[in-house]
Amino acid sequence: MKKKLLLLSFLAGSLVAYSADQEKKPASRIQEEITVVEDKLPQTPTEYTEEESVPLVKVQKKAEFPGGKNKLMEYLIGNIKYPEEAANKSIEGTVLVKFVVKKDGYVDNINILRGVDPILDEEAIRVVKNMPKWIPAQNAGKDVASYFTLPIRFSIGSEDKSDKK
């Protein structure tokens, strides 16, 4: 029996798979994507400023999802629903989402830097929009608004268990 799987990767190339029924599966390393996305993106020069509402590109301490990268992955696994229409059309790819983590930790100004298809782009935006409060970035010990870039890889794989016992 073949099952469709959703593979998610983000930031340091962590890879997790789960089936449509949300059952977590061990994921093989299909490809090494250990690339720091932020280093490859053109960065808008933003100087340090006293204006608290201006998001910064470079900060001393980056914003963090509560609990770190592993909890972010758990959140994505628990909340992303691979759109049926995209799965039926075999639409795959990495949606690159950029957003602001405000100094109060809430996510705002969600934008698609690189989309795949409107169906997957909408799902990525929906999941980011519903994220809980983050731990905001800091400069000189003060909470500041900052940009955060999150690549979300949508991939349909298949797992054939008919030969396994």
N, C-alpha and C. Protein backbone atom coordinates (compact mmCIF):
# COMPACT_ATOMS: atom_id res chain seq x y z
N MET A 1 0.84 -1.18 0.00
CA MET A 1 0.00 0.00 0.00
C MET A 1 0.89 1.24 0.00
N LYS A 2 0.63 2.17 -0.89
CA LYS A 2 1.41 3.39 -0.95
C LYS A 2 0.72 4.47 -0.14
N LYS A 3 1.53 5.24 0.59
CA LYS A 3 1.02 6.37 1.35
C LYS A 3 1.77 7.61 0.93
N LYS A 4 1.08 8.72 0.86
CA LYS A 4 1.73 9.98 0.55
C LYS A 4 2.31 10.55 1.84
N LEU A 5 3.51 11.09 1.73
CA LEU A 5 4.18 11.67 2.88
C LEU A 5 4.45 13.14 2.63
N LEU A 6 4.47 13.91 3.70
CA LEU A 6 4.85 15.31 3.63
C LEU A 6 6.20 15.43 4.29
N LEU A 7 7.16 15.97 3.56
CA LEU A 7 8.49 16.18 4.11
C LEU A 7 8.66 17.67 4.38
N LEU A 8 9.07 18.01 5.58
CA LEU A 8 9.28 19.40 5.95
C LEU A 8 10.74 19.59 6.31
N SER A 9 11.31 20.63 5.79
CA SER A 9 12.66 20.97 6.22
C SER A 9 12.71 22.46 6.46
N PHE A 10 13.55 22.88 7.37
CA PHE A 10 13.70 24.29 7.62
C PHE A 10 15.08 24.57 8.16
N LEU A 11 15.49 25.80 7.99
CA LEU A 11 16.77 26.33 8.45
C LEU A 11 17.93 25.40 8.20
N ALA A 12 18.33 24.60 9.18
CA ALA A 12 19.54 23.80 9.04
C ALA A 12 19.29 22.50 8.29
N GLY A 13 18.19 22.37 7.61
CA GLY A 13 17.93 21.20 6.78
C GLY A 13 17.35 20.03 7.54
N SER A 14 16.78 20.26 8.72
CA SER A 14 16.16 19.17 9.46
C SER A 14 15.04 18.60 8.61
N LEU A 15 14.86 17.30 8.66
CA LEU A 15 13.89 16.67 7.79
C LEU A 15 13.03 15.71 8.59
N VAL A 16 11.72 15.86 8.48
CA VAL A 16 10.78 15.01 9.18
C VAL A 16 9.67 14.68 8.19
N ALA A 17 9.12 13.50 8.29
CA ALA A 17 8.04 13.12 7.39
C ALA A 17 6.85 12.66 8.21
N TYR A 18 5.64 12.92 7.69
CA TYR A 18 4.46 12.34 8.30
C TYR A 18 3.43 12.09 7.21
N SER A 19 2.59 11.11 7.47
CA SER A 19 1.60 10.74 6.47
C SER A 19 0.35 11.59 6.66
N ALA A 20 -0.58 11.45 5.74
CA ALA A 20 -1.81 12.23 5.78
C ALA A 20 -2.59 12.01 7.07
N ASP A 21 -2.44 10.86 7.70
CA ASP A 21 -3.14 10.60 8.95
C ASP A 21 -2.34 11.07 10.16
N GLN A 22 -1.33 11.93 9.93
CA GLN A 22 -0.51 12.56 10.97
C GLN A 22 0.37 11.59 11.73
N GLU A 23 0.56 10.37 11.23
CA GLU A 23 1.43 9.41 11.88
C GLU A 23 2.87 9.76 11.52
N LYS A 24 3.71 9.99 12.53
CA LYS A 24 5.09 10.39 12.30
C LYS A 24 5.89 9.20 11.79
N LYS A 25 6.70 9.43 10.78
CA LYS A 25 7.52 8.40 10.17
C LYS A 25 8.98 8.79 10.28
N PRO A 26 9.88 7.83 10.40
CA PRO A 26 11.30 8.20 10.36
C PRO A 26 11.63 8.70 8.96
N ALA A 27 12.38 9.78 8.88
CA ALA A 27 12.69 10.38 7.59
C ALA A 27 14.14 10.12 7.22
N SER A 28 14.34 9.67 6.01
CA SER A 28 15.71 9.48 5.54
C SER A 28 16.21 10.81 5.01
N ARG A 29 17.49 10.99 5.02
CA ARG A 29 18.09 12.21 4.49
C ARG A 29 18.06 12.12 2.98
N ILE A 30 17.09 12.72 2.35
CA ILE A 30 16.97 12.67 0.90
C ILE A 30 18.05 13.54 0.28
N GLN A 31 18.26 14.68 0.82
CA GLN A 31 19.33 15.53 0.34
C GLN A 31 19.80 16.42 1.47
N GLU A 32 21.07 16.69 1.48
CA GLU A 32 21.62 17.55 2.50
C GLU A 32 21.35 18.99 2.12
N GLU A 33 20.58 19.66 2.93
CA GLU A 33 20.26 21.05 2.69
C GLU A 33 20.78 21.91 3.82
N ILE A 34 21.96 21.58 4.28
CA ILE A 34 22.49 22.35 5.40
C ILE A 34 23.06 23.65 4.84
N THR A 35 22.14 24.55 4.62
CA THR A 35 22.46 25.85 4.07
C THR A 35 21.79 26.89 4.94
N VAL A 36 22.52 27.86 5.34
CA VAL A 36 21.90 28.93 6.11
C VAL A 36 21.23 29.86 5.12
N VAL A 37 19.92 29.83 5.11
CA VAL A 37 19.13 30.56 4.12
C VAL A 37 19.41 32.05 4.20
N GLU A 38 19.53 32.57 5.39
CA GLU A 38 19.71 34.01 5.53
C GLU A 38 20.98 34.50 4.85
N ASP A 39 22.04 33.68 4.78
CA ASP A 39 23.27 34.10 4.13
C ASP A 39 23.11 34.22 2.62
N LYS A 40 22.14 33.52 2.05
CA LYS A 40 21.95 33.53 0.61
C LYS A 40 20.96 34.60 0.15
N LEU A 41 20.22 35.17 1.08
CA LEU A 41 19.22 36.16 0.71
C LEU A 41 19.83 37.55 0.66
N PRO A 42 19.39 38.36 -0.28
CA PRO A 42 19.85 39.75 -0.25
C PRO A 42 19.28 40.41 1.00
N GLN A 43 20.11 41.10 1.73
CA GLN A 43 19.66 41.70 2.97
C GLN A 43 19.52 43.21 2.81
N THR A 44 18.41 43.71 3.25
CA THR A 44 18.18 45.14 3.22
C THR A 44 19.00 45.76 4.34
N PRO A 45 19.86 46.71 4.03
CA PRO A 45 20.64 47.31 5.10
C PRO A 45 19.73 48.06 6.06
N THR A 46 19.78 47.68 7.30
CA THR A 46 19.00 48.33 8.34
C THR A 46 19.96 48.67 9.46
N GLU A 47 20.07 49.92 9.76
CA GLU A 47 20.98 50.32 10.83
C GLU A 47 20.29 50.15 12.16
N TYR A 48 21.11 50.01 13.20
CA TYR A 48 20.56 49.95 14.53
C TYR A 48 19.91 51.29 14.82
N THR A 49 18.78 51.23 15.42
CA THR A 49 18.02 52.46 15.62
C THR A 49 17.32 52.44 16.97
N GLU A 50 17.01 53.59 17.47
CA GLU A 50 16.26 53.68 18.72
C GLU A 50 14.76 53.51 18.45
N GLU A 51 14.36 53.65 17.19
CA GLU A 51 12.96 53.48 16.81
C GLU A 51 12.59 52.02 17.04
N GLU A 52 11.74 51.76 18.01
CA GLU A 52 11.44 50.39 18.42
C GLU A 52 10.56 49.64 17.43
N SER A 53 9.84 50.34 16.57
CA SER A 53 8.92 49.65 15.67
C SER A 53 9.59 49.22 14.37
N VAL A 54 10.82 49.63 14.13
CA VAL A 54 11.52 49.27 12.90
C VAL A 54 12.18 47.90 13.06
N PRO A 55 11.77 46.91 12.27
CA PRO A 55 12.40 45.58 12.38
C PRO A 55 13.86 45.64 11.91
N LEU A 56 14.70 44.89 12.58
CA LEU A 56 16.12 44.85 12.25
C LEU A 56 16.46 43.58 11.49
N VAL A 57 17.46 43.68 10.63
CA VAL A 57 17.94 42.52 9.90
C VAL A 57 19.02 41.82 10.72
N LYS A 58 19.94 42.60 11.26
CA LYS A 58 21.03 42.05 12.07
C LYS A 58 20.77 42.39 13.54
N VAL A 59 20.83 41.37 14.37
CA VAL A 59 20.62 41.56 15.81
C VAL A 59 21.67 40.76 16.57
N GLN A 60 21.86 41.10 17.83
CA GLN A 60 22.83 40.38 18.64
C GLN A 60 22.33 38.99 19.00
N LYS A 61 21.05 38.88 19.31
CA LYS A 61 20.45 37.59 19.64
C LYS A 61 19.18 37.44 18.81
N LYS A 62 19.14 36.40 17.98
CA LYS A 62 18.01 36.20 17.07
C LYS A 62 16.75 35.78 17.80
N ALA A 63 15.62 36.09 17.17
CA ALA A 63 14.32 35.64 17.68
C ALA A 63 14.29 34.12 17.64
N GLU A 64 13.55 33.54 18.58
CA GLU A 64 13.50 32.08 18.67
C GLU A 64 12.09 31.61 18.97
N PHE A 65 11.71 30.52 18.30
CA PHE A 65 10.43 29.88 18.60
C PHE A 65 10.52 29.33 20.01
N PRO A 66 9.46 29.43 20.81
CA PRO A 66 9.53 28.91 22.18
C PRO A 66 9.90 27.42 22.19
N GLY A 67 11.01 27.09 22.81
CA GLY A 67 11.47 25.71 22.86
C GLY A 67 12.51 25.39 21.81
N GLY A 68 12.77 26.32 20.89
CA GLY A 68 13.83 26.13 19.90
C GLY A 68 13.37 25.46 18.62
N LYS A 69 14.35 25.04 17.82
CA LYS A 69 14.09 24.47 16.49
C LYS A 69 13.26 23.19 16.54
N ASN A 70 13.52 22.34 17.54
CA ASN A 70 12.74 21.09 17.63
C ASN A 70 11.26 21.36 17.87
N LYS A 71 10.97 22.34 18.72
CA LYS A 71 9.56 22.68 18.98
C LYS A 71 8.93 23.35 17.76
N LEU A 72 9.73 24.12 17.01
CA LEU A 72 9.23 24.70 15.77
C LEU A 72 8.85 23.59 14.80
N MET A 73 9.70 22.57 14.69
CA MET A 73 9.41 21.44 13.80
C MET A 73 8.14 20.72 14.27
N GLU A 74 8.00 20.52 15.57
CA GLU A 74 6.79 19.88 16.09
C GLU A 74 5.55 20.71 15.75
N TYR A 75 5.67 22.02 15.90
CA TYR A 75 4.55 22.90 15.57
C TYR A 75 4.17 22.75 14.09
N LEU A 76 5.18 22.78 13.22
CA LEU A 76 4.90 22.66 11.79
C LEU A 76 4.26 21.32 11.46
N ILE A 77 4.78 20.24 12.03
CA ILE A 77 4.23 18.91 11.78
C ILE A 77 2.78 18.83 12.25
N GLY A 78 2.51 19.40 13.41
CA GLY A 78 1.17 19.33 13.97
C GLY A 78 0.15 20.23 13.30
N ASN A 79 0.62 21.24 12.56
CA ASN A 79 -0.31 22.23 12.04
C ASN A 79 -0.39 22.33 10.52
N ILE A 80 0.63 21.91 9.81
CA ILE A 80 0.57 21.97 8.35
C ILE A 80 -0.29 20.83 7.83
N LYS A 81 -1.21 21.18 6.98
CA LYS A 81 -2.05 20.19 6.30
C LYS A 81 -1.72 20.32 4.81
N TYR A 82 -1.13 19.27 4.25
CA TYR A 82 -0.79 19.32 2.83
C TYR A 82 -2.09 19.45 2.06
N PRO A 83 -2.29 20.55 1.35
CA PRO A 83 -3.56 20.73 0.64
C PRO A 83 -3.82 19.58 -0.34
N GLU A 84 -5.02 19.05 -0.26
CA GLU A 84 -5.39 17.90 -1.10
C GLU A 84 -5.22 18.20 -2.58
N GLU A 85 -5.61 19.40 -2.99
CA GLU A 85 -5.49 19.78 -4.39
C GLU A 85 -4.02 19.77 -4.84
N ALA A 86 -3.12 20.27 -3.98
CA ALA A 86 -1.69 20.28 -4.31
C ALA A 86 -1.15 18.85 -4.37
N ALA A 87 -1.58 18.00 -3.45
CA ALA A 87 -1.14 16.60 -3.46
C ALA A 87 -1.63 15.89 -4.71
N ASN A 88 -2.88 16.12 -5.08
CA ASN A 88 -3.44 15.48 -6.27
C ASN A 88 -2.73 15.93 -7.55
N LYS A 89 -2.27 17.17 -7.56
CA LYS A 89 -1.56 17.70 -8.73
C LYS A 89 -0.04 17.50 -8.62
N SER A 90 0.40 16.82 -7.56
CA SER A 90 1.83 16.57 -7.31
C SER A 90 2.65 17.86 -7.28
N ILE A 91 2.11 18.88 -6.65
CA ILE A 91 2.81 20.16 -6.52
C ILE A 91 3.73 20.07 -5.31
N GLU A 92 5.01 20.33 -5.52
CA GLU A 92 6.02 20.25 -4.47
C GLU A 92 6.94 21.45 -4.57
N GLY A 93 7.69 21.70 -3.51
CA GLY A 93 8.70 22.75 -3.54
C GLY A 93 8.86 23.40 -2.18
N THR A 94 9.78 24.35 -2.12
CA THR A 94 10.08 25.05 -0.88
C THR A 94 9.50 26.45 -0.94
N VAL A 95 8.66 26.76 0.02
CA VAL A 95 8.08 28.09 0.16
C VAL A 95 8.95 28.84 1.17
N LEU A 96 9.47 29.97 0.76
CA LEU A 96 10.33 30.78 1.61
C LEU A 96 9.50 31.93 2.18
N VAL A 97 9.26 31.88 3.49
CA VAL A 97 8.40 32.84 4.17
C VAL A 97 9.26 33.78 5.01
N LYS A 98 9.04 35.08 4.86
CA LYS A 98 9.74 36.07 5.68
C LYS A 98 8.68 36.81 6.49
N PHE A 99 8.97 37.00 7.77
CA PHE A 99 8.02 37.68 8.64
C PHE A 99 8.78 38.45 9.70
N VAL A 100 8.06 39.28 10.42
CA VAL A 100 8.63 40.06 11.51
C VAL A 100 8.20 39.43 12.82
N VAL A 101 9.17 39.23 13.70
CA VAL A 101 8.85 38.87 15.08
C VAL A 101 8.94 40.19 15.84
N LYS A 102 7.78 40.69 16.25
CA LYS A 102 7.73 41.99 16.91
C LYS A 102 8.36 41.90 18.30
N LYS A 103 8.64 43.04 18.88
CA LYS A 103 9.33 43.03 20.18
C LYS A 103 8.48 42.41 21.28
N ASP A 104 7.17 42.28 21.05
CA ASP A 104 6.31 41.59 22.03
C ASP A 104 6.20 40.10 21.72
N GLY A 105 6.89 39.62 20.65
CA GLY A 105 6.92 38.20 20.33
C GLY A 105 5.90 37.75 19.31
N TYR A 106 4.96 38.62 18.96
CA TYR A 106 3.95 38.23 17.98
C TYR A 106 4.50 38.33 16.56
N VAL A 107 3.99 37.47 15.68
CA VAL A 107 4.40 37.43 14.29
C VAL A 107 3.54 38.41 13.49
N ASP A 108 4.19 39.14 12.57
CA ASP A 108 3.50 40.16 11.79
C ASP A 108 4.16 40.27 10.41
N ASN A 109 3.54 40.99 9.49
CA ASN A 109 4.10 41.28 8.16
C ASN A 109 4.63 40.02 7.47
N ILE A 110 3.76 39.05 7.28
CA ILE A 110 4.15 37.78 6.66
C ILE A 110 4.17 37.95 5.14
N ASN A 111 5.29 37.58 4.52
CA ASN A 111 5.44 37.70 3.08
C ASN A 111 6.07 36.44 2.51
N ILE A 112 5.72 36.14 1.29
CA ILE A 112 6.35 35.03 0.57
C ILE A 112 7.51 35.62 -0.22
N LEU A 113 8.73 35.20 0.10
CA LEU A 113 9.90 35.64 -0.66
C LEU A 113 10.04 34.82 -1.94
N ARG A 114 9.78 33.53 -1.81
CA ARG A 114 9.83 32.65 -2.98
C ARG A 114 8.71 31.63 -2.82
N GLY A 115 7.75 31.72 -3.70
CA GLY A 115 6.62 30.81 -3.64
C GLY A 115 6.77 29.64 -4.58
N VAL A 116 5.90 28.68 -4.42
CA VAL A 116 5.89 27.49 -5.27
C VAL A 116 4.62 27.51 -6.12
N ASP A 117 3.50 27.63 -5.45
CA ASP A 117 2.19 27.63 -6.07
C ASP A 117 1.27 28.30 -5.06
N PRO A 118 0.29 29.06 -5.51
CA PRO A 118 -0.59 29.74 -4.55
C PRO A 118 -1.19 28.82 -3.49
N ILE A 119 -1.45 27.57 -3.84
CA ILE A 119 -2.05 26.64 -2.88
C ILE A 119 -1.08 26.39 -1.71
N LEU A 120 0.18 26.08 -2.00
CA LEU A 120 1.17 25.83 -0.94
C LEU A 120 1.55 27.13 -0.24
N ASP A 121 1.64 28.22 -0.99
CA ASP A 121 1.98 29.52 -0.39
C ASP A 121 0.95 29.89 0.68
N GLU A 122 -0.34 29.71 0.37
CA GLU A 122 -1.41 30.02 1.32
C GLU A 122 -1.31 29.17 2.58
N GLU A 123 -0.98 27.90 2.42
CA GLU A 123 -0.86 27.02 3.58
C GLU A 123 0.32 27.46 4.46
N ALA A 124 1.43 27.83 3.85
CA ALA A 124 2.59 28.30 4.62
C ALA A 124 2.24 29.57 5.38
N ILE A 125 1.55 30.50 4.73
CA ILE A 125 1.14 31.74 5.40
C ILE A 125 0.18 31.45 6.54
N ARG A 126 -0.77 30.56 6.32
CA ARG A 126 -1.75 30.22 7.36
C ARG A 126 -1.06 29.70 8.61
N VAL A 127 -0.10 28.80 8.43
CA VAL A 127 0.57 28.19 9.57
C VAL A 127 1.43 29.23 10.31
N VAL A 128 2.13 30.07 9.57
CA VAL A 128 2.96 31.10 10.22
C VAL A 128 2.07 32.10 10.96
N LYS A 129 0.96 32.48 10.34
CA LYS A 129 0.04 33.45 10.95
C LYS A 129 -0.50 32.95 12.30
N ASN A 130 -0.67 31.64 12.43
CA ASN A 130 -1.24 31.06 13.66
C ASN A 130 -0.19 30.65 14.69
N MET A 131 1.07 31.00 14.46
CA MET A 131 2.13 30.62 15.41
C MET A 131 1.92 31.31 16.76
N PRO A 132 2.34 30.63 17.83
CA PRO A 132 2.29 31.27 19.15
C PRO A 132 3.36 32.36 19.24
N LYS A 133 3.34 33.11 20.33
CA LYS A 133 4.33 34.15 20.55
C LYS A 133 5.74 33.56 20.55
N TRP A 134 6.66 34.28 19.93
CA TRP A 134 8.06 33.90 19.90
C TRP A 134 8.82 34.60 21.03
N ILE A 135 10.03 34.17 21.25
CA ILE A 135 10.94 34.91 22.12
C ILE A 135 11.61 35.93 21.20
N PRO A 136 11.39 37.22 21.44
CA PRO A 136 11.88 38.22 20.49
C PRO A 136 13.40 38.33 20.45
N ALA A 137 13.89 38.92 19.37
CA ALA A 137 15.32 39.19 19.23
C ALA A 137 15.73 40.23 20.26
N GLN A 138 17.04 40.31 20.49
CA GLN A 138 17.54 41.29 21.46
C GLN A 138 18.77 41.99 20.94
N ASN A 139 18.87 43.25 21.29
CA ASN A 139 20.06 44.07 21.11
C ASN A 139 20.33 44.76 22.43
N ALA A 140 21.55 44.64 22.92
CA ALA A 140 21.95 45.27 24.19
C ALA A 140 20.98 44.91 25.31
N GLY A 141 20.49 43.66 25.29
CA GLY A 141 19.59 43.19 26.35
C GLY A 141 18.15 43.65 26.23
N LYS A 142 17.83 44.43 25.19
CA LYS A 142 16.46 44.92 25.01
C LYS A 142 15.79 44.13 23.88
N ASP A 143 14.51 43.82 24.07
CA ASP A 143 13.74 43.16 23.03
C ASP A 143 13.55 44.12 21.86
N VAL A 144 13.75 43.59 20.64
CA VAL A 144 13.58 44.39 19.42
C VAL A 144 12.83 43.58 18.38
N ALA A 145 12.20 44.28 17.45
CA ALA A 145 11.55 43.63 16.32
C ALA A 145 12.62 43.23 15.32
N SER A 146 12.44 42.05 14.72
CA SER A 146 13.43 41.59 13.74
C SER A 146 12.76 40.74 12.67
N TYR A 147 13.45 40.62 11.54
CA TYR A 147 12.98 39.77 10.46
C TYR A 147 13.41 38.33 10.73
N PHE A 148 12.59 37.40 10.27
CA PHE A 148 12.91 35.98 10.37
C PHE A 148 12.49 35.33 9.05
N THR A 149 13.36 34.49 8.51
CA THR A 149 13.07 33.79 7.27
C THR A 149 12.95 32.30 7.55
N LEU A 150 11.85 31.71 7.09
CA LEU A 150 11.58 30.30 7.35
C LEU A 150 11.27 29.58 6.05
N PRO A 151 12.17 28.70 5.59
CA PRO A 151 11.83 27.89 4.41
C PRO A 151 11.03 26.66 4.84
N ILE A 152 9.94 26.42 4.16
CA ILE A 152 9.11 25.24 4.44
C ILE A 152 9.06 24.42 3.16
N ARG A 153 9.59 23.21 3.22
CA ARG A 153 9.67 22.35 2.04
C ARG A 153 8.49 21.38 2.03
N PHE A 154 7.72 21.45 0.97
CA PHE A 154 6.61 20.54 0.75
C PHE A 154 7.06 19.51 -0.28
N SER A 155 7.00 18.25 0.07
CA SER A 155 7.41 17.20 -0.85
C SER A 155 6.52 15.99 -0.66
N ILE A 156 6.05 15.45 -1.76
CA ILE A 156 5.22 14.25 -1.70
C ILE A 156 6.12 13.07 -2.00
N GLY A 157 6.23 12.19 -1.05
CA GLY A 157 6.97 10.95 -1.25
C GLY A 157 6.00 9.81 -1.14
N SER A 158 6.46 8.64 -1.42
CA SER A 158 5.59 7.49 -1.21
C SER A 158 6.36 6.43 -0.48
N GLU A 159 5.64 5.70 0.31
CA GLU A 159 6.24 4.62 1.09
C GLU A 159 5.45 3.37 0.78
N ASP A 160 6.12 2.37 0.26
CA ASP A 160 5.45 1.12 -0.10
C ASP A 160 5.74 0.10 0.99
N LYS A 161 4.69 -0.26 1.77
CA LYS A 161 4.85 -1.20 2.86
C LYS A 161 4.41 -2.61 2.49
N SER A 162 4.00 -2.82 1.27
CA SER A 162 3.47 -4.12 0.89
C SER A 162 4.53 -5.22 0.95
N ASP A 163 5.80 -4.87 0.80
CA ASP A 163 6.88 -5.87 0.84
C ASP A 163 7.41 -6.06 2.26
N LYS A 164 7.03 -5.19 3.18
CA LYS A 164 7.58 -5.25 4.54
C LYS A 164 6.65 -6.02 5.46
N LYS A 165 7.27 -6.65 6.45
CA LYS A 165 6.47 -7.39 7.43
C LYS A 165 6.64 -6.78 8.78
